Amino acid sequence: MSPSTDVRERREFASEIKFIVPSSLGEQLSDWARSRLMADPNAGGASGDTYKISSLYFDTEAFDVFHRRGSFGRSKLRVRRYGQTELLFLERKLRTRGLLAKRRSIVSINELDRLADEMPDRNWPGYWFHRRFLARGLKPVCQIFYQRLARVAMTSYGPIRLTIDCDLHGIPVDGLKFTGEKGSPLLDGSSILELKFRRELPVLFKNLLQEFALNPEPFSKYRQAVKILELAPAAGQQKPTPVYA
């Protein structure tokens, strides 16, 4: 469940639960996690469990992803960058009943503009992503930045993962490029706690919810950015985008 270099991941019976918490509580949750879970092996920082993330998000002219129209509500494409690395992850996240599937490929940051080509190259690792990008009529909308703390463990039901995202910022973009500007804050004074697990909620996480009296709530970084940055037209102002593949 860490940001590995696997080309394709399928997570059957995987669940994600999110919580919006005050930053002060986020610090307490960080201490709790560090005393009970291992640091994500791909993270760094002073405690060996943090990294910075910046992601490009895409949508149609009618903002079908934002409005969750049809299949756009189940599938999301994004390009993710960890820290200042020159490698990018082309990602597709698909949610269906009982299944969370993620497919990802690694490309160089210098190859990002290939998504502007009208014909996908079958020999490029990002071919599958490019084909869907074109078929769904997507365009760059915004870039989102944040810092993540990640702790993991292995249980009898499989791996579990706890992340806390803070310092969430977003900025509109009009091209296939990453910008160094952070833009506007998206969650002033709050952090995002996310619990990932398979099958049943682990006892460890049950104890966490009880100890801190946490209540889950749905949250999308992309949808939050679009709202705060006032990027999308109201629902019904534009016709839904047809999907060809």
Protein backbone atom coordinates (compact mmCIF):
# COMPACT_ATOMS: atom_id res chain seq x y z
CA MET A 1 0.00 0.00 0.00
CA SER A 2 3.02 2.31 -0.22
CA PRO A 3 3.99 4.29 -3.35
CA SER A 4 5.99 1.46 -4.88
CA THR A 5 7.13 1.18 -8.49
CA ASP A 6 4.71 -1.62 -9.38
CA VAL A 7 3.20 -1.11 -12.80
CA ARG A 8 -0.19 -2.51 -11.83
CA GLU A 9 -1.83 -3.03 -8.46
CA ARG A 10 -5.18 -4.68 -7.81
CA ARG A 11 -6.62 -4.44 -4.33
CA GLU A 12 -9.61 -6.69 -3.93
CA PHE A 13 -11.85 -6.15 -0.92
CA ALA A 14 -9.79 -3.05 -0.06
CA SER A 15 -11.40 -0.28 1.95
CA GLU A 16 -10.49 3.33 2.58
CA ILE A 17 -11.94 5.45 5.37
CA LYS A 18 -11.23 9.18 5.60
CA PHE A 19 -11.51 11.68 8.43
CA ILE A 20 -11.09 15.45 8.46
CA VAL A 21 -9.36 16.38 11.73
CA PRO A 22 -7.99 19.60 13.25
CA SER A 23 -4.24 19.97 12.74
CA SER A 24 -3.70 19.82 16.51
CA LEU A 25 -5.41 16.45 16.60
CA GLY A 26 -3.38 15.41 13.57
CA GLU A 27 -0.24 15.81 15.66
CA GLN A 28 -1.69 13.52 18.36
CA LEU A 29 -2.66 10.97 15.73
CA SER A 30 0.88 11.11 14.32
CA ASP A 31 2.31 10.26 17.74
CA TRP A 32 -0.23 7.44 18.12
CA ALA A 33 0.68 5.97 14.72
CA ARG A 34 4.44 6.24 15.27
CA SER A 35 4.17 4.28 18.51
CA ARG A 36 2.18 1.42 16.93
CA LEU A 37 2.97 1.17 13.21
CA MET A 38 6.13 0.94 11.10
CA ALA A 39 7.33 3.76 8.87
CA ASP A 40 6.47 3.45 5.19
CA PRO A 41 9.66 2.00 3.65
CA ASN A 42 9.45 4.47 0.75
CA ALA A 43 9.19 7.56 2.96
CA GLY A 44 11.86 9.79 4.48
CA GLY A 45 12.11 12.88 6.66
CA ALA A 46 13.31 13.11 10.26
CA SER A 47 11.06 10.23 11.36
CA GLY A 48 11.44 8.24 8.14
CA ASP A 49 7.71 8.35 7.44
CA THR A 50 6.97 11.53 5.47
CA TYR A 51 7.12 12.68 1.88
CA LYS A 52 5.72 15.47 -0.28
CA ILE A 53 3.22 14.80 -3.05
CA SER A 54 2.10 16.90 -5.98
CA SER A 55 -0.55 15.63 -8.39
CA LEU A 56 -2.04 16.85 -11.64
CA TYR A 57 -5.78 16.23 -11.95
CA PHE A 58 -7.80 16.11 -15.16
CA ASP A 59 -11.40 16.61 -16.14
CA THR A 60 -13.57 17.24 -19.18
CA GLU A 61 -14.78 20.64 -20.40
CA ALA A 62 -18.07 19.87 -18.65
CA PHE A 63 -16.29 18.75 -15.45
CA ASP A 64 -17.88 15.30 -15.59
CA VAL A 65 -15.38 13.90 -13.07
CA PHE A 66 -16.20 16.66 -10.59
CA HIS A 67 -19.94 16.16 -11.06
CA ARG A 68 -19.50 12.35 -10.95
CA ARG A 69 -21.46 11.74 -14.12
CA GLY A 70 -21.73 8.11 -15.21
CA SER A 71 -18.44 6.24 -15.45
CA PHE A 72 -16.56 9.46 -14.65
CA GLY A 73 -17.74 9.03 -11.08
CA ARG A 74 -16.00 5.67 -10.73
CA SER A 75 -12.70 6.28 -12.53
CA LYS A 76 -10.13 9.03 -12.05
CA LEU A 77 -6.89 9.73 -13.91
CA ARG A 78 -4.04 11.69 -12.36
CA VAL A 79 -0.29 12.18 -12.65
CA ARG A 80 1.58 12.03 -9.35
CA ARG A 81 5.05 13.22 -8.39
CA TYR A 82 6.83 12.43 -5.12
CA GLY A 83 9.08 15.22 -3.89
CA GLN A 84 11.31 16.60 -6.64
CA THR A 85 11.96 13.31 -8.38
CA GLU A 86 12.20 13.29 -12.18
CA LEU A 87 9.90 10.25 -12.32
CA LEU A 88 6.13 10.52 -12.59
CA PHE A 89 3.37 8.01 -11.89
CA LEU A 90 0.53 7.87 -14.41
CA GLU A 91 -2.36 6.56 -12.35
CA ARG A 92 -5.89 5.36 -12.85
CA LYS A 93 -7.99 4.71 -9.77
CA LEU A 94 -11.13 2.65 -10.30
CA ARG A 95 -13.79 2.01 -7.68
CA THR A 96 -16.43 -0.68 -8.07
CA ARG A 97 -18.44 -2.68 -5.57
CA GLY A 98 -16.01 -4.74 -3.46
CA LEU A 99 -12.95 -3.68 -5.46
CA LEU A 100 -10.46 -0.84 -5.39
CA ALA A 101 -8.11 -1.15 -8.35
CA LYS A 102 -5.17 1.07 -9.16
CA ARG A 103 -3.08 0.92 -12.29
CA ARG A 104 0.10 2.96 -12.58
CA SER A 105 3.06 3.34 -14.89
CA ILE A 106 6.30 5.23 -14.42
CA VAL A 107 7.55 7.74 -16.98
CA SER A 108 10.08 10.58 -17.01
CA ILE A 109 8.88 14.09 -16.26
CA ASN A 110 10.22 15.02 -19.71
CA GLU A 111 7.64 12.69 -21.28
CA LEU A 112 4.59 14.32 -19.74
CA ASP A 113 3.87 16.43 -22.80
CA ARG A 114 3.38 13.25 -24.83
CA LEU A 115 -0.20 13.29 -23.52
CA ALA A 116 -0.80 16.23 -25.88
CA ASP A 117 -0.15 14.01 -28.92
CA GLU A 118 -3.26 12.97 -30.85
CA MET A 119 -2.02 9.40 -31.43
CA PRO A 120 -0.88 7.23 -28.49
CA ASP A 121 2.37 5.31 -28.94
CA ARG A 122 1.88 1.60 -28.25
CA ASN A 123 5.56 1.26 -27.33
CA TRP A 124 5.36 3.90 -24.58
CA PRO A 125 4.76 2.66 -21.01
CA GLY A 126 2.04 5.31 -20.67
CA TYR A 127 0.12 4.13 -23.75
CA TRP A 128 -2.84 2.78 -21.78
CA PHE A 129 -3.12 6.05 -19.82
CA HIS A 130 -2.79 8.21 -22.94
CA ARG A 131 -5.48 6.22 -24.75
CA ARG A 132 -7.96 6.71 -21.92
CA PHE A 133 -6.94 10.35 -21.54
CA LEU A 134 -7.91 11.00 -25.17
CA ALA A 135 -11.00 8.80 -25.21
CA ARG A 136 -12.44 10.56 -22.18
CA GLY A 137 -11.70 14.05 -23.52
CA LEU A 138 -9.65 15.13 -20.53
CA LYS A 139 -7.66 18.29 -19.92
CA PRO A 140 -5.42 19.48 -17.04
CA VAL A 141 -7.45 21.28 -14.36
CA CYS A 142 -5.39 21.76 -11.22
CA GLN A 143 -2.31 20.73 -9.28
CA ILE A 144 -2.60 19.72 -5.63
CA PHE A 145 0.26 19.74 -3.11
CA TYR A 146 0.48 18.23 0.37
CA GLN A 147 2.77 16.53 2.85
CA ARG A 148 1.99 12.97 3.90
CA LEU A 149 2.88 10.92 6.94
CA ALA A 150 2.56 7.19 6.24
CA ARG A 151 2.77 4.24 8.65
CA VAL A 152 2.12 0.58 7.78
CA ALA A 153 1.77 -2.86 9.34
CA MET A 154 0.97 -6.45 8.35
CA THR A 155 -2.00 -8.22 9.92
CA SER A 156 -3.63 -11.62 9.54
CA TYR A 157 -5.96 -10.03 6.96
CA GLY A 158 -3.15 -8.44 4.98
CA PRO A 159 -1.42 -5.04 5.00
CA ILE A 160 -2.90 -1.98 6.69
CA ARG A 161 -1.89 1.63 6.19
CA LEU A 162 -2.47 4.91 7.99
CA THR A 163 -1.75 8.26 6.35
CA ILE A 164 -2.11 11.85 7.52
CA ASP A 165 -2.07 14.56 4.86
CA CYS A 166 -1.46 18.17 5.85
CA ASP A 167 -0.58 21.54 4.30
CA LEU A 168 -3.01 20.91 1.44
CA HIS A 169 -2.77 23.52 -1.34
CA GLY A 170 -4.08 23.76 -4.90
CA ILE A 171 -3.53 25.86 -7.99
CA PRO A 172 -5.23 25.94 -11.42
CA VAL A 173 -3.15 24.73 -14.36
CA ASP A 174 -3.64 25.17 -18.09
CA GLY A 175 -1.04 22.78 -19.43
CA LEU A 176 0.80 19.50 -18.98
CA LYS A 177 3.39 20.69 -16.52
CA PHE A 178 4.13 20.81 -12.81
CA THR A 179 4.47 24.21 -11.21
CA GLY A 180 6.52 25.08 -8.14
CA GLU A 181 3.83 27.42 -6.85
CA LYS A 182 1.67 26.05 -4.04
CA GLY A 183 -1.37 28.18 -4.72
CA SER A 184 -4.29 28.49 -2.30
CA PRO A 185 -4.84 26.55 0.94
CA LEU A 186 -7.59 23.95 0.58
CA LEU A 187 -8.14 22.93 4.20
CA ASP A 188 -7.13 25.69 6.59
CA GLY A 189 -6.44 24.29 10.04
CA SER A 190 -7.28 20.68 9.15
CA SER A 191 -5.57 17.47 8.09
CA ILE A 192 -6.84 14.32 6.39
CA LEU A 193 -6.54 10.99 8.17
CA GLU A 194 -6.97 7.96 5.95
CA LEU A 195 -7.13 4.30 6.96
CA LYS A 196 -6.61 1.56 4.38
CA PHE A 197 -7.25 -2.11 5.04
CA ARG A 198 -8.65 -5.29 3.55
CA ARG A 199 -11.84 -7.04 4.60
CA GLU A 200 -12.74 -6.12 8.20
CA LEU A 201 -11.65 -3.03 10.07
CA PRO A 202 -8.55 -4.11 12.07
CA VAL A 203 -8.74 -4.07 15.87
CA LEU A 204 -5.92 -1.54 15.94
CA PHE A 205 -7.97 0.89 13.88
CA LYS A 206 -11.08 0.21 15.95
CA ASN A 207 -9.12 1.23 19.03
CA LEU A 208 -7.97 4.39 17.24
CA LEU A 209 -11.53 5.42 16.34
CA GLN A 210 -12.72 4.81 19.88
CA GLU A 211 -9.82 6.56 21.60
CA PHE A 212 -10.13 9.75 19.54
CA ALA A 213 -13.91 9.61 18.93
CA LEU A 214 -13.44 9.84 15.16
CA ASN A 215 -16.30 9.95 12.67
CA PRO A 216 -15.58 9.20 8.99
CA GLU A 217 -16.73 11.46 6.19
CA PRO A 218 -16.28 11.29 2.42
CA PHE A 219 -13.63 13.62 1.04
CA SER A 220 -11.99 14.18 -2.35
CA LYS A 221 -8.91 16.37 -2.66
CA TYR A 222 -9.78 17.05 -6.29
CA ARG A 223 -13.37 18.04 -5.59
CA GLN A 224 -12.24 20.25 -2.72
CA ALA A 225 -9.72 22.01 -4.97
CA VAL A 226 -12.29 22.62 -7.70
CA LYS A 227 -14.70 24.12 -5.15
CA ILE A 228 -12.15 26.33 -3.40
CA LEU A 229 -10.59 27.51 -6.66
CA GLU A 230 -14.05 27.97 -8.25
CA LEU A 231 -13.11 26.11 -11.41
CA ALA A 232 -16.26 24.19 -12.37
CA PRO A 233 -19.52 25.39 -13.93
CA ALA A 234 -22.72 24.49 -12.14
CA ALA A 235 -24.22 21.09 -12.91
CA GLY A 236 -26.43 21.24 -15.99
CA GLN A 237 -24.74 24.26 -17.57
CA GLN A 238 -22.81 22.05 -19.97
CA LYS A 239 -23.69 18.80 -21.70
CA PRO A 240 -22.02 15.61 -20.39
CA THR A 241 -19.01 14.41 -22.35
CA PRO A 242 -19.47 11.20 -24.40
CA VAL A 243 -17.01 8.40 -23.63
CA TYR A 244 -15.60 6.42 -26.55
CA ALA A 245 -13.44 3.91 -24.67
